[in-house]
Amino acid sequence: MEENKKKEIRQKKNMTEVSEKSLEKTGSGGFRINIHLILLAAIVLVIGFSAFRLYKWNKGTPSDYDPNFQTTDFDIEVMDSLIPLAPDKREGYEDDGVTTILCLGDDPFSLEQGENGLAEQIARKTGATVYNGSFTGTTMAAQFASYNDGYILDAFSFSYVAKSLASGDFDLMKTAATYSYDENFAKTAQMLSELDMNTVDMICVMYDGSDYINKRPCDDPNAPYDEITYTGALRSGVKAIQDAYPHIRIVVMSHTFCHSIGEDGNFQNGDRADLGHGTLSHYLQKERDATMDVSVSFIDNFYGTINEDNYLDYMTDYIHFNDAGRELLAQRFADCLFPDA
């Protein structure tokens, strides 16, 4: 019995030795596998992979940026604000079926009134009947707080023209026109006095940078309807027309880029030279704010049409437009308001 137990113990011992030896061999080649080498290899592999990832992260991805590349192009956000006329403003109004536009402003409309004129090109591009009620050399704002016979151009500034249209009283305008050397003043004043405003569907207002160049105050926060300020005259004139003819949609086209002429006779960039009341872009922003105040549409020509980069192609001098410039302005107007024309 005791002999059998000893025999079993010897057998178990032999089996244990065989198992341990088997663990030290692999395959027919009999190579030994060392657990320490396996762990060491795993650690090296992890460290190597981490180092590779760190190297790749530090290297980054290739960039297309070329520090030597130069361009004059820049991204511009055009500040158009197209506000449709509220439906209730047309209640009770009898539409004659003809789209009629009245253009008010200064040189962009008045200097050329042939087939290449701005008003005429707007008519062609929109199919509308267009009347040109502009006066050369005038401004949006009046020069004096009350009318002065010594400065007749105030009678043709925007707020004065708008109030004449709203009231139907053109006596001051017609009298002032008799003192003008420009025969178109009297003709235009007469046309406006005879125009039936009930047939007008839209008024397009555009003045160039003349208010800026003539140093008209841009804005008076304490007197938002002051007619000797650029934006005050705009608000005052628009409000007068809205009260008299609520069915008319009013669209303000902003000035474009222009220069002023310095004391040395050289051009001054209008977007850099402050003549006392801000630069051209300041006037632009204030004009847009004023149109928002009185809920009328605004077309940004300063950034969206003729700007500092392209003005040489569209202007004859520091402020006036050539035929191509007027065509571009007319197309911009049509694209904004008559996209299907």
C-alpha atoms as a PDB file:
ATOM      1  CA  MET A   1       0.000   0.000   0.000  1.00  0.00           C
ATOM      2  CA  GLU A   2       2.743   2.373   0.958  1.00  0.00           C
ATOM      3  CA  GLU A   3       4.644   1.311  -2.112  1.00  0.00           C
ATOM      4  CA  ASN A   4       1.709   2.357  -4.332  1.00  0.00           C
ATOM      5  CA  LYS A   5       1.555   5.822  -2.757  1.00  0.00           C
ATOM      6  CA  LYS A   6       5.261   6.377  -3.391  1.00  0.00           C
ATOM      7  CA  LYS A   7       4.749   5.308  -6.984  1.00  0.00           C
ATOM      8  CA  GLU A   8       1.903   7.853  -7.494  1.00  0.00           C
ATOM      9  CA  ILE A   9       4.024  10.653  -6.035  1.00  0.00           C
ATOM     10  CA  ARG A  10       6.863   9.825  -8.449  1.00  0.00           C
ATOM     11  CA  GLN A  11       4.454   9.852 -11.396  1.00  0.00           C
ATOM     12  CA  LYS A  12       3.027  13.311 -10.474  1.00  0.00           C
ATOM     13  CA  LYS A  13       6.536  14.701 -10.061  1.00  0.00           C
ATOM     14  CA  ASN A  14       7.562  13.426 -13.473  1.00  0.00           C
ATOM     15  CA  MET A  15       4.433  14.920 -15.086  1.00  0.00           C
ATOM     16  CA  THR A  16       5.175  18.313 -13.507  1.00  0.00           C
ATOM     17  CA  GLU A  17       8.725  18.315 -14.847  1.00  0.00           C
ATOM     18  CA  VAL A  18       7.468  17.423 -18.326  1.00  0.00           C
ATOM     19  CA  SER A  19       4.934  20.329 -18.279  1.00  0.00           C
ATOM     20  CA  GLU A  20       7.564  22.873 -17.229  1.00  0.00           C
ATOM     21  CA  LYS A  21       9.917  21.739 -19.983  1.00  0.00           C
ATOM     22  CA  SER A  22       7.100  21.982 -22.563  1.00  0.00           C
ATOM     23  CA  LEU A  23       6.525  25.618 -21.655  1.00  0.00           C
ATOM     24  CA  GLU A  24      10.157  26.339 -22.430  1.00  0.00           C
ATOM     25  CA  LYS A  25       9.856  24.991 -25.997  1.00  0.00           C
ATOM     26  CA  THR A  26       7.887  26.102 -29.100  1.00  0.00           C
ATOM     27  CA  GLY A  27       7.275  24.345 -32.425  1.00  0.00           C
ATOM     28  CA  SER A  28       9.564  21.719 -33.834  1.00  0.00           C
ATOM     29  CA  GLY A  29      12.533  24.074 -33.688  1.00  0.00           C
ATOM     30  CA  GLY A  30      12.511  24.030 -29.989  1.00  0.00           C
ATOM     31  CA  PHE A  31      13.119  27.788 -29.476  1.00  0.00           C
ATOM     32  CA  ARG A  32      12.654  28.889 -25.909  1.00  0.00           C
ATOM     33  CA  ILE A  33       9.967  31.544 -25.115  1.00  0.00           C
ATOM     34  CA  ASN A  34      10.943  33.931 -22.357  1.00  0.00           C
ATOM     35  CA  ILE A  35       8.064  35.900 -20.806  1.00  0.00           C
ATOM     36  CA  HIS A  36      10.445  38.733 -19.928  1.00  0.00           C
ATOM     37  CA  LEU A  37      11.452  39.173 -23.570  1.00  0.00           C
ATOM     38  CA  ILE A  38       7.783  39.293 -24.624  1.00  0.00           C
ATOM     39  CA  LEU A  39       7.020  42.041 -22.097  1.00  0.00           C
ATOM     40  CA  LEU A  40      10.120  43.974 -23.130  1.00  0.00           C
ATOM     41  CA  ALA A  41       9.139  43.763 -26.815  1.00  0.00           C
ATOM     42  CA  ALA A  42       5.617  44.992 -26.030  1.00  0.00           C
ATOM     43  CA  ILE A  43       6.983  47.962 -24.104  1.00  0.00           C
ATOM     44  CA  VAL A  44       9.360  48.869 -26.938  1.00  0.00           C
ATOM     45  CA  LEU A  45       6.513  48.611 -29.426  1.00  0.00           C
ATOM     46  CA  VAL A  46       4.252  50.941 -27.394  1.00  0.00           C
ATOM     47  CA  ILE A  47       7.040  53.483 -26.912  1.00  0.00           C
ATOM     48  CA  GLY A  48       7.915  53.390 -30.602  1.00  0.00           C
ATOM     49  CA  PHE A  49       4.305  53.856 -31.699  1.00  0.00           C
ATOM     50  CA  SER A  50       3.850  56.769 -29.295  1.00  0.00           C
ATOM     51  CA  ALA A  51       7.036  58.412 -30.537  1.00  0.00           C
ATOM     52  CA  PHE A  52       5.866  58.061 -34.147  1.00  0.00           C
ATOM     53  CA  ARG A  53       2.479  59.625 -33.352  1.00  0.00           C
ATOM     54  CA  LEU A  54       4.181  62.513 -31.509  1.00  0.00           C
ATOM     55  CA  TYR A  55       6.531  63.108 -34.457  1.00  0.00           C
ATOM     56  CA  LYS A  56       3.645  63.122 -36.915  1.00  0.00           C
ATOM     57  CA  TRP A  57       1.593  65.505 -34.730  1.00  0.00           C
ATOM     58  CA  ASN A  58       4.520  67.929 -34.430  1.00  0.00           C
ATOM     59  CA  LYS A  59       5.077  67.838 -38.173  1.00  0.00           C
ATOM     60  CA  GLY A  60       1.429  68.748 -38.918  1.00  0.00           C
ATOM     61  CA  THR A  61      -0.176  68.691 -42.353  1.00  0.00           C
ATOM     62  CA  PRO A  62       1.121  70.488 -45.461  1.00  0.00           C
ATOM     63  CA  SER A  63      -0.240  74.052 -45.936  1.00  0.00           C
ATOM     64  CA  ASP A  64      -1.040  75.824 -49.193  1.00  0.00           C
ATOM     65  CA  TYR A  65      -0.046  79.160 -47.659  1.00  0.00           C
ATOM     66  CA  ASP A  66       2.584  81.021 -49.677  1.00  0.00           C
ATOM     67  CA  PRO A  67       4.090  83.942 -47.714  1.00  0.00           C
ATOM     68  CA  ASN A  68       5.366  85.493 -50.945  1.00  0.00           C
ATOM     69  CA  PHE A  69       1.960  85.562 -52.659  1.00  0.00           C
ATOM     70  CA  GLN A  70       0.434  89.036 -52.899  1.00  0.00           C
ATOM     71  CA  THR A  71      -3.110  90.032 -53.841  1.00  0.00           C
ATOM     72  CA  THR A  72      -5.224  93.171 -53.709  1.00  0.00           C
ATOM     73  CA  ASP A  73      -8.444  91.167 -53.390  1.00  0.00           C
ATOM     74  CA  PHE A  74     -10.250  91.106 -50.070  1.00  0.00           C
ATOM     75  CA  ASP A  75     -13.538  89.792 -48.777  1.00  0.00           C
ATOM     76  CA  ILE A  76     -16.315  92.370 -48.681  1.00  0.00           C
ATOM     77  CA  GLU A  77     -19.665  92.142 -46.999  1.00  0.00           C
ATOM     78  CA  VAL A  78     -22.098  94.245 -48.990  1.00  0.00           C
ATOM     79  CA  MET A  79     -24.578  96.091 -46.769  1.00  0.00           C
ATOM     80  CA  ASP A  80     -27.730  95.920 -48.880  1.00  0.00           C
ATOM     81  CA  SER A  81     -31.012  96.071 -47.006  1.00  0.00           C
ATOM     82  CA  LEU A  82     -34.020  95.412 -49.232  1.00  0.00           C
ATOM     83  CA  ILE A  83     -37.280  96.082 -47.423  1.00  0.00           C
ATOM     84  CA  PRO A  84     -40.539  95.362 -49.272  1.00  0.00           C
ATOM     85  CA  LEU A  85     -43.381  97.821 -48.956  1.00  0.00           C
ATOM     86  CA  ALA A  86     -45.873  96.724 -46.315  1.00  0.00           C
ATOM     87  CA  PRO A  87     -49.072  95.424 -47.975  1.00  0.00           C
ATOM     88  CA  ASP A  88     -51.270  97.742 -45.901  1.00  0.00           C
ATOM     89  CA  LYS A  89     -49.549 100.748 -47.527  1.00  0.00           C
ATOM     90  CA  ARG A  90     -51.180  99.795 -50.831  1.00  0.00           C
ATOM     91  CA  GLU A  91     -54.682  99.398 -49.438  1.00  0.00           C
ATOM     92  CA  GLY A  92     -57.163 101.545 -51.378  1.00  0.00           C
ATOM     93  CA  TYR A  93     -54.554 102.362 -54.033  1.00  0.00           C
ATOM     94  CA  GLU A  94     -55.578 101.744 -57.647  1.00  0.00           C
ATOM     95  CA  ASP A  95     -52.663 100.322 -59.605  1.00  0.00           C
ATOM     96  CA  ASP A  96     -52.596 101.440 -63.243  1.00  0.00           C
ATOM     97  CA  GLY A  97     -50.588  98.377 -64.271  1.00  0.00           C
ATOM     98  CA  VAL A  98     -47.519 100.418 -65.274  1.00  0.00           C
ATOM     99  CA  THR A  99     -44.363 100.390 -63.120  1.00  0.00           C
ATOM    100  CA  THR A 100     -43.319 104.024 -62.713  1.00  0.00           C
ATOM    101  CA  ILE A 101     -40.063 105.082 -61.066  1.00  0.00           C
ATOM    102  CA  LEU A 102     -39.051 108.619 -60.092  1.00  0.00           C
ATOM    103  CA  CYS A 103     -35.292 109.215 -59.713  1.00  0.00           C
ATOM    104  CA  LEU A 104     -34.147 111.932 -57.311  1.00  0.00           C
ATOM    105  CA  GLY A 105     -30.569 113.001 -56.690  1.00  0.00           C
ATOM    106  CA  ASP A 106     -27.659 114.896 -58.187  1.00  0.00           C
ATOM    107  CA  ASP A 107     -24.914 114.326 -60.778  1.00  0.00           C
ATOM    108  CA  PRO A 108     -25.204 110.525 -61.269  1.00  0.00           C
ATOM    109  CA  PHE A 109     -28.648 111.148 -62.777  1.00  0.00           C
ATOM    110  CA  SER A 110     -28.358 114.722 -64.043  1.00  0.00           C
ATOM    111  CA  LEU A 111     -25.057 114.968 -65.935  1.00  0.00           C
ATOM    112  CA  GLU A 112     -26.117 112.535 -68.662  1.00  0.00           C
ATOM    113  CA  GLN A 113     -29.751 112.334 -69.692  1.00  0.00           C
ATOM    114  CA  GLY A 114     -29.349 110.711 -73.110  1.00  0.00           C
ATOM    115  CA  GLU A 115     -29.544 106.999 -73.814  1.00  0.00           C
ATOM    116  CA  ASN A 116     -26.476 106.367 -71.629  1.00  0.00           C
ATOM    117  CA  GLY A 117     -27.922 108.224 -68.666  1.00  0.00           C
ATOM    118  CA  LEU A 118     -28.491 106.374 -65.407  1.00  0.00           C
ATOM    119  CA  ALA A 119     -32.258 106.918 -65.397  1.00  0.00           C
ATOM    120  CA  GLU A 120     -32.506 105.872 -69.039  1.00  0.00           C
ATOM    121  CA  GLN A 121     -30.510 102.698 -68.415  1.00  0.00           C
ATOM    122  CA  ILE A 122     -32.679 101.845 -65.409  1.00  0.00           C
ATOM    123  CA  ALA A 123     -35.705 102.158 -67.691  1.00  0.00           C
ATOM    124  CA  ARG A 124     -34.202  99.773 -70.247  1.00  0.00           C
ATOM    125  CA  LYS A 125     -33.110  97.194 -67.685  1.00  0.00           C
ATOM    126  CA  THR A 126     -36.372  97.162 -65.709  1.00  0.00           C
ATOM    127  CA  GLY A 127     -38.965  97.897 -68.380  1.00  0.00           C
ATOM    128  CA  ALA A 128     -40.349 100.650 -66.150  1.00  0.00           C
ATOM    129  CA  THR A 129     -41.379 104.190 -67.009  1.00  0.00           C
ATOM    130  CA  VAL A 130     -38.688 106.370 -65.406  1.00  0.00           C
ATOM    131  CA  TYR A 131     -38.734 110.103 -64.639  1.00  0.00           C
ATOM    132  CA  ASN A 132     -35.523 111.964 -63.893  1.00  0.00           C
ATOM    133  CA  GLY A 133     -35.985 114.543 -61.124  1.00  0.00           C
ATOM    134  CA  SER A 134     -32.315 115.279 -60.410  1.00  0.00           C
ATOM    135  CA  PHE A 135     -30.363 118.542 -60.096  1.00  0.00           C
ATOM    136  CA  THR A 136     -26.642 118.933 -60.802  1.00  0.00           C
ATOM    137  CA  GLY A 137     -24.362 120.103 -57.999  1.00  0.00           C
ATOM    138  CA  THR A 138     -26.873 119.638 -55.202  1.00  0.00           C
ATOM    139  CA  THR A 139     -26.569 117.693 -51.971  1.00  0.00           C
ATOM    140  CA  MET A 140     -28.750 115.596 -49.724  1.00  0.00           C
ATOM    141  CA  ALA A 141     -28.425 118.109 -46.873  1.00  0.00           C
ATOM    142  CA  ALA A 142     -29.223 121.804 -47.057  1.00  0.00           C
ATOM    143  CA  GLN A 143     -26.469 124.322 -46.479  1.00  0.00           C
ATOM    144  CA  PHE A 144     -28.536 126.592 -44.210  1.00  0.00           C
ATOM    145  CA  ALA A 145     -31.105 125.899 -41.512  1.00  0.00           C
ATOM    146  CA  SER A 146     -33.597 128.161 -43.293  1.00  0.00           C
ATOM    147  CA  TYR A 147     -33.755 129.019 -46.978  1.00  0.00           C
ATOM    148  CA  ASN A 148     -31.416 131.782 -48.083  1.00  0.00           C
ATOM    149  CA  ASP A 149     -31.880 133.501 -51.472  1.00  0.00           C
ATOM    150  CA  GLY A 150     -28.116 133.806 -51.676  1.00  0.00           C
ATOM    151  CA  TYR A 151     -27.788 130.023 -51.960  1.00  0.00           C
ATOM    152  CA  ILE A 152     -30.478 128.745 -54.326  1.00  0.00           C
ATOM    153  CA  LEU A 153     -29.166 125.161 -54.395  1.00  0.00           C
ATOM    154  CA  ASP A 154     -30.844 124.494 -51.052  1.00  0.00           C
ATOM    155  CA  ALA A 155     -34.213 124.654 -52.844  1.00  0.00           C
ATOM    156  CA  PHE A 156     -33.098 121.571 -54.805  1.00  0.00           C
ATOM    157  CA  SER A 157     -31.582 119.578 -51.943  1.00  0.00           C
ATOM    158  CA  PHE A 158     -33.328 116.299 -51.146  1.00  0.00           C
ATOM    159  CA  SER A 159     -35.476 117.384 -48.209  1.00  0.00           C
ATOM    160  CA  TYR A 160     -36.732 120.471 -50.085  1.00  0.00           C
ATOM    161  CA  VAL A 161     -37.562 118.482 -53.222  1.00  0.00           C
ATOM    162  CA  ALA A 162     -39.281 115.785 -51.179  1.00  0.00           C
ATOM    163  CA  LYS A 163     -41.412 118.332 -49.305  1.00  0.00           C
ATOM    164  CA  SER A 164     -42.384 120.033 -52.573  1.00  0.00           C
ATOM    165  CA  LEU A 165     -43.515 116.667 -53.932  1.00  0.00           C
ATOM    166  CA  ALA A 166     -45.416 115.876 -50.742  1.00  0.00           C
ATOM    167  CA  SER A 167     -47.188 119.248 -50.540  1.00  0.00           C
ATOM    168  CA  GLY A 168     -47.559 119.970 -54.251  1.00  0.00           C
ATOM    169  CA  ASP A 169     -46.088 123.430 -53.700  1.00  0.00           C
ATOM    170  CA  PHE A 170     -43.270 124.089 -56.178  1.00  0.00           C
ATOM    171  CA  ASP A 171     -43.174 127.885 -56.001  1.00  0.00           C
ATOM    172  CA  LEU A 172     -39.837 128.081 -54.191  1.00  0.00           C
ATOM    173  CA  MET A 173     -38.248 125.552 -56.518  1.00  0.00           C
ATOM    174  CA  LYS A 174     -39.504 127.295 -59.666  1.00  0.00           C
ATOM    175  CA  THR A 175     -38.410 130.712 -58.433  1.00  0.00           C
ATOM    176  CA  ALA A 176     -34.947 129.457 -57.499  1.00  0.00           C
ATOM    177  CA  ALA A 177     -34.642 127.764 -60.907  1.00  0.00           C
ATOM    178  CA  THR A 178     -34.895 131.146 -62.651  1.00  0.00           C
ATOM    179  CA  TYR A 179     -31.581 132.131 -61.018  1.00  0.00           C
ATOM    180  CA  SER A 180     -29.752 129.020 -62.170  1.00  0.00           C
ATOM    181  CA  TYR A 181     -27.428 129.007 -65.164  1.00  0.00           C
ATOM    182  CA  ASP A 182     -28.444 125.392 -65.800  1.00  0.00           C
ATOM    183  CA  GLU A 183     -31.570 125.388 -67.978  1.00  0.00           C
ATOM    184  CA  ASN A 184     -32.383 121.876 -66.817  1.00  0.00           C
ATOM    185  CA  PHE A 185     -33.284 123.201 -63.354  1.00  0.00           C
ATOM    186  CA  ALA A 186     -36.389 124.964 -64.674  1.00  0.00           C
ATOM    187  CA  LYS A 187     -37.322 122.018 -66.915  1.00  0.00           C
ATOM    188  CA  THR A 188     -36.988 119.487 -64.142  1.00  0.00           C
ATOM    189  CA  ALA A 189     -38.891 121.653 -61.644  1.00  0.00           C
ATOM    190  CA  GLN A 190     -41.712 121.991 -64.146  1.00  0.00           C
ATOM    191  CA  MET A 191     -41.780 118.240 -64.809  1.00  0.00           C
ATOM    192  CA  LEU A 192     -41.971 117.465 -61.103  1.00  0.00           C
ATOM    193  CA  SER A 193     -44.797 119.948 -60.585  1.00  0.00           C
ATOM    194  CA  GLU A 194     -46.809 118.257 -63.342  1.00  0.00           C
ATOM    195  CA  LEU A 195     -46.073 114.661 -62.353  1.00  0.00           C
ATOM    196  CA  ASP A 196     -49.022 112.782 -60.862  1.00  0.00           C
ATOM    197  CA  MET A 197     -47.466 111.209 -57.779  1.00  0.00           C
ATOM    198  CA  ASN A 198     -50.379 108.796 -57.511  1.00  0.00           C
ATOM    199  CA  THR A 199     -48.978 107.007 -60.559  1.00  0.00           C
ATOM    200  CA  VAL A 200     -45.492 106.631 -59.084  1.00  0.00           C
ATOM    201  CA  ASP A 201     -44.715 103.180 -57.689  1.00  0.00           C
ATOM    202  CA  MET A 202     -41.107 103.679 -56.632  1.00  0.00           C
ATOM    203  CA  ILE A 203     -38.689 106.515 -55.869  1.00  0.00           C
ATOM    204  CA  CYS A 204     -34.967 105.907 -56.317  1.00  0.00           C
ATOM    205  CA  VAL A 205     -32.761 108.332 -54.386  1.00  0.00           C
ATOM    206  CA  MET A 206     -29.048 108.603 -55.153  1.00  0.00           C
ATOM    207  CA  TYR A 207     -26.513 111.309 -54.320  1.00  0.00           C
ATOM    208  CA  ASP A 208     -22.814 110.850 -54.931  1.00  0.00           C
ATOM    209  CA  GLY A 209     -20.170 111.819 -52.354  1.00  0.00           C
ATOM    210  CA  SER A 210     -21.037 115.512 -52.658  1.00  0.00           C
ATOM    211  CA  ASP A 211     -22.220 115.828 -49.039  1.00  0.00           C
ATOM    212  CA  TYR A 212     -18.914 114.403 -47.851  1.00  0.00           C
ATOM    213  CA  ILE A 213     -16.890 116.655 -50.176  1.00  0.00           C
ATOM    214  CA  ASN A 214     -18.916 119.756 -49.274  1.00  0.00           C
ATOM    215  CA  LYS A 215     -18.423 118.946 -45.592  1.00  0.00           C
ATOM    216  CA  ARG A 216     -22.084 118.668 -44.720  1.00  0.00           C
ATOM    217  CA  PRO A 217     -22.467 117.335 -41.174  1.00  0.00           C
ATOM    218  CA  CYS A 218     -23.163 113.633 -41.319  1.00  0.00           C
ATOM    219  CA  ASP A 219     -25.481 113.174 -38.368  1.00  0.00           C
ATOM    220  CA  ASP A 220     -26.784 114.842 -35.235  1.00  0.00           C
ATOM    221  CA  PRO A 221     -27.933 112.267 -32.653  1.00  0.00           C
ATOM    222  CA  ASN A 222     -29.814 115.011 -30.787  1.00  0.00           C
ATOM    223  CA  ALA A 223     -31.673 116.168 -33.915  1.00  0.00           C
ATOM    224  CA  PRO A 224     -32.207 113.127 -36.182  1.00  0.00           C
ATOM    225  CA  TYR A 225     -34.398 115.124 -38.622  1.00  0.00           C
ATOM    226  CA  ASP A 226     -32.175 118.181 -38.889  1.00  0.00           C
ATOM    227  CA  GLU A 227     -32.081 119.040 -42.602  1.00  0.00           C
ATOM    228  CA  ILE A 228     -28.584 120.527 -42.518  1.00  0.00           C
ATOM    229  CA  THR A 229     -27.201 117.065 -41.743  1.00  0.00           C
ATOM    230  CA  TYR A 230     -26.810 114.305 -44.296  1.00  0.00           C
ATOM    231  CA  THR A 231     -28.914 111.729 -42.505  1.00  0.00           C
ATOM    232  CA  GLY A 232     -31.349 114.269 -41.043  1.00  0.00           C
ATOM    233  CA  ALA A 233     -32.251 115.497 -44.530  1.00  0.00           C
ATOM    234  CA  LEU A 234     -32.703 111.897 -45.659  1.00  0.00           C
ATOM    235  CA  ARG A 235     -35.028 111.016 -42.789  1.00  0.00           C
ATOM    236  CA  SER A 236     -36.979 114.273 -43.144  1.00  0.00           C
ATOM    237  CA  GLY A 237     -37.482 113.920 -46.900  1.00  0.00           C
ATOM    238  CA  VAL A 238     -38.434 110.255 -46.796  1.00  0.00           C
ATOM    239  CA  LYS A 239     -40.904 110.838 -43.968  1.00  0.00           C
ATOM    240  CA  ALA A 240     -42.604 113.660 -45.911  1.00  0.00           C
ATOM    241  CA  ILE A 241     -43.128 111.416 -48.947  1.00  0.00           C
ATOM    242  CA  GLN A 242     -44.261 108.460 -46.858  1.00  0.00           C
ATOM    243  CA  ASP A 243     -46.901 110.552 -45.111  1.00  0.00           C
ATOM    244  CA  ALA A 244     -48.251 111.978 -48.379  1.00  0.00           C
ATOM    245  CA  TYR A 245     -47.905 108.885 -50.587  1.00  0.00           C
ATOM    246  CA  PRO A 246     -47.676 105.720 -48.495  1.00  0.00           C
ATOM    247  CA  HIS A 247     -48.099 103.533 -51.599  1.00  0.00           C
ATOM    248  CA  ILE A 248     -44.671 104.540 -52.978  1.00  0.00           C
ATOM    249  CA  ARG A 249     -41.736 102.249 -52.257  1.00  0.00           C
ATOM    250  CA  ILE A 250     -38.566 104.283 -51.598  1.00  0.00           C
ATOM    251  CA  VAL A 251     -35.112 102.916 -52.410  1.00  0.00           C
ATOM    252  CA  VAL A 252     -31.897 104.702 -51.449  1.00  0.00           C
ATOM    253  CA  MET A 253     -28.796 103.952 -53.519  1.00  0.00           C
ATOM    254  CA  SER A 254     -25.652 104.887 -51.635  1.00  0.00           C
ATOM    255  CA  HIS A 255     -22.717 106.885 -52.921  1.00  0.00           C
ATOM    256  CA  THR A 256     -19.797 105.015 -54.439  1.00  0.00           C
ATOM    257  CA  PHE A 257     -16.114 105.373 -53.708  1.00  0.00           C
ATOM    258  CA  CYS A 258     -14.657 108.761 -54.648  1.00  0.00           C
ATOM    259  CA  HIS A 259     -11.817 111.135 -53.855  1.00  0.00           C
ATOM    260  CA  SER A 260     -11.767 114.632 -52.509  1.00  0.00           C
ATOM    261  CA  ILE A 261      -9.285 117.282 -53.626  1.00  0.00           C
ATOM    262  CA  GLY A 262      -6.847 118.509 -51.007  1.00  0.00           C
ATOM    263  CA  GLU A 263      -5.495 122.014 -50.531  1.00  0.00           C
ATOM    264  CA  ASP A 264      -2.432 121.003 -52.530  1.00  0.00           C
ATOM    265  CA  GLY A 265      -4.653 120.058 -55.479  1.00  0.00           C
ATOM    266  CA  ASN A 266      -4.007 116.336 -55.116  1.00  0.00           C
ATOM    267  CA  PHE A 267      -6.619 113.630 -54.738  1.00  0.00           C
ATOM    268  CA  GLN A 268      -7.390 112.339 -51.255  1.00  0.00           C
ATOM    269  CA  ASN A 269      -8.801 108.862 -50.779  1.00  0.00           C
ATOM    270  CA  GLY A 270     -12.363 109.326 -49.548  1.00  0.00           C
ATOM    271  CA  ASP A 271     -12.194 106.293 -47.316  1.00  0.00           C
ATOM    272  CA  ARG A 272      -9.106 107.609 -45.515  1.00  0.00           C
ATOM    273  CA  ALA A 273      -9.480 111.380 -45.476  1.00  0.00           C
ATOM    274  CA  ASP A 274     -11.778 112.766 -42.775  1.00  0.00           C
ATOM    275  CA  LEU A 275     -12.854 116.228 -43.926  1.00  0.00           C
ATOM    276  CA  GLY A 276     -14.415 117.052 -40.594  1.00  0.00           C
ATOM    277  CA  HIS A 277     -17.414 114.749 -40.248  1.00  0.00           C
ATOM    278  CA  GLY A 278     -16.013 111.320 -40.954  1.00  0.00           C
ATOM    279  CA  THR A 279     -14.791 109.359 -43.939  1.00  0.00           C
ATOM    280  CA  LEU A 280     -16.927 108.067 -46.813  1.00  0.00           C
ATOM    281  CA  SER A 281     -17.493 104.741 -45.076  1.00  0.00           C
ATOM    282  CA  HIS A 282     -18.753 106.638 -42.018  1.00  0.00           C
ATOM    283  CA  TYR A 283     -21.280 108.476 -44.190  1.00  0.00           C
ATOM    284  CA  LEU A 284     -22.238 105.130 -45.710  1.00  0.00           C
ATOM    285  CA  GLN A 285     -22.941 103.499 -42.375  1.00  0.00           C
ATOM    286  CA  LYS A 286     -24.923 106.474 -41.110  1.00  0.00           C
ATOM    287  CA  GLU A 287     -26.936 106.580 -44.339  1.00  0.00           C
ATOM    288  CA  ARG A 288     -27.787 102.912 -43.969  1.00  0.00           C
ATOM    289  CA  ASP A 289     -28.810 103.457 -40.346  1.00  0.00           C
ATOM    290  CA  ALA A 290     -31.102 106.289 -41.435  1.00  0.00           C
ATOM    291  CA  THR A 291     -32.818 104.131 -44.048  1.00  0.00           C
ATOM    292  CA  MET A 292     -33.430 101.497 -41.382  1.00  0.00           C
ATOM    293  CA  ASP A 293     -34.948 104.167 -39.139  1.00  0.00           C
ATOM    294  CA  VAL A 294     -37.545 105.072 -41.774  1.00  0.00           C
ATOM    295  CA  SER A 295     -37.986 101.521 -43.135  1.00  0.00           C
ATOM    296  CA  VAL A 296     -36.848 102.001 -46.723  1.00  0.00           C
ATOM    297  CA  SER A 297     -34.565  99.884 -48.900  1.00  0.00           C
ATOM    298  CA  PHE A 298     -30.839 100.507 -49.153  1.00  0.00           C
ATOM    299  CA  ILE A 299     -28.463  99.468 -51.948  1.00  0.00           C
ATOM    300  CA  ASP A 300     -24.783  99.609 -51.042  1.00  0.00           C
ATOM    301  CA  ASN A 301     -22.821 100.952 -54.018  1.00  0.00           C
ATOM    302  CA  PHE A 302     -19.719 101.783 -51.962  1.00  0.00           C
ATOM    303  CA  TYR A 303     -18.738  98.157 -51.446  1.00  0.00           C
ATOM    304  CA  GLY A 304     -21.073  96.461 -53.911  1.00  0.00           C
ATOM    305  CA  THR A 305     -20.648  98.446 -57.137  1.00  0.00           C
ATOM    306  CA  ILE A 306     -17.843 100.991 -57.659  1.00  0.00           C
ATOM    307  CA  ASN A 307     -15.106 100.756 -55.072  1.00  0.00           C
ATOM    308  CA  GLU A 308     -11.476 101.609 -54.458  1.00  0.00           C
ATOM    309  CA  ASP A 309     -10.288  98.675 -56.544  1.00  0.00           C
ATOM    310  CA  ASN A 310     -12.278  99.264 -59.736  1.00  0.00           C
ATOM    311  CA  TYR A 311     -13.136 102.988 -59.829  1.00  0.00           C
ATOM    312  CA  LEU A 312     -10.626 103.741 -62.591  1.00  0.00           C
ATOM    313  CA  ASP A 313     -12.744 101.664 -64.962  1.00  0.00           C
ATOM    314  CA  TYR A 314     -15.974 103.478 -64.166  1.00  0.00           C
ATOM    315  CA  MET A 315     -15.159 107.099 -63.325  1.00  0.00           C
ATOM    316  CA  THR A 316     -14.017 110.049 -65.410  1.00  0.00           C
ATOM    317  CA  ASP A 317     -12.417 111.917 -62.520  1.00  0.00           C
ATOM    318  CA  TYR A 318     -12.442 111.927 -58.737  1.00  0.00           C
ATOM    319  CA  ILE A 319     -16.244 111.556 -58.426  1.00  0.00           C
ATOM    320  CA  HIS A 320     -18.140 111.445 -61.752  1.00  0.00           C
ATOM    321  CA  PHE A 321     -19.097 108.333 -63.726  1.00  0.00           C
ATOM    322  CA  ASN A 322     -18.528 107.340 -67.315  1.00  0.00           C
ATOM    323  CA  ASP A 323     -21.045 105.401 -69.409  1.00  0.00           C
ATOM    324  CA  ALA A 324     -19.792 102.075 -68.073  1.00  0.00           C
ATOM    325  CA  GLY A 325     -20.147 103.320 -64.499  1.00  0.00           C
ATOM    326  CA  ARG A 326     -23.738 104.410 -65.029  1.00  0.00           C
ATOM    327  CA  GLU A 327     -24.508 101.113 -66.726  1.00  0.00           C
ATOM    328  CA  LEU A 328     -23.061  99.233 -63.756  1.00  0.00           C
ATOM    329  CA  LEU A 329     -25.142 101.272 -61.298  1.00  0.00           C
ATOM    330  CA  ALA A 330     -28.291 100.669 -63.351  1.00  0.00           C
ATOM    331  CA  GLN A 331     -27.586  96.941 -63.478  1.00  0.00           C
ATOM    332  CA  ARG A 332     -27.066  96.823 -59.719  1.00  0.00           C
ATOM    333  CA  PHE A 333     -30.406  98.554 -59.187  1.00  0.00           C
ATOM    334  CA  ALA A 334     -32.153  96.140 -61.546  1.00  0.00           C
ATOM    335  CA  ASP A 335     -30.513  93.060 -60.022  1.00  0.00           C
ATOM    336  CA  CYS A 336     -31.591  94.074 -56.517  1.00  0.00           C
ATOM    337  CA  LEU A 337     -35.160  95.133 -57.237  1.00  0.00           C
ATOM    338  CA  PHE A 338     -36.122  93.526 -60.550  1.00  0.00           C
ATOM    339  CA  PRO A 339     -34.238  90.199 -60.540  1.00  0.00           C
ATOM    340  CA  ASP A 340     -36.655  88.675 -63.047  1.00  0.00           C
ATOM    341  CA  ALA A 341     -36.595  91.587 -65.497  1.00  0.00           C
END
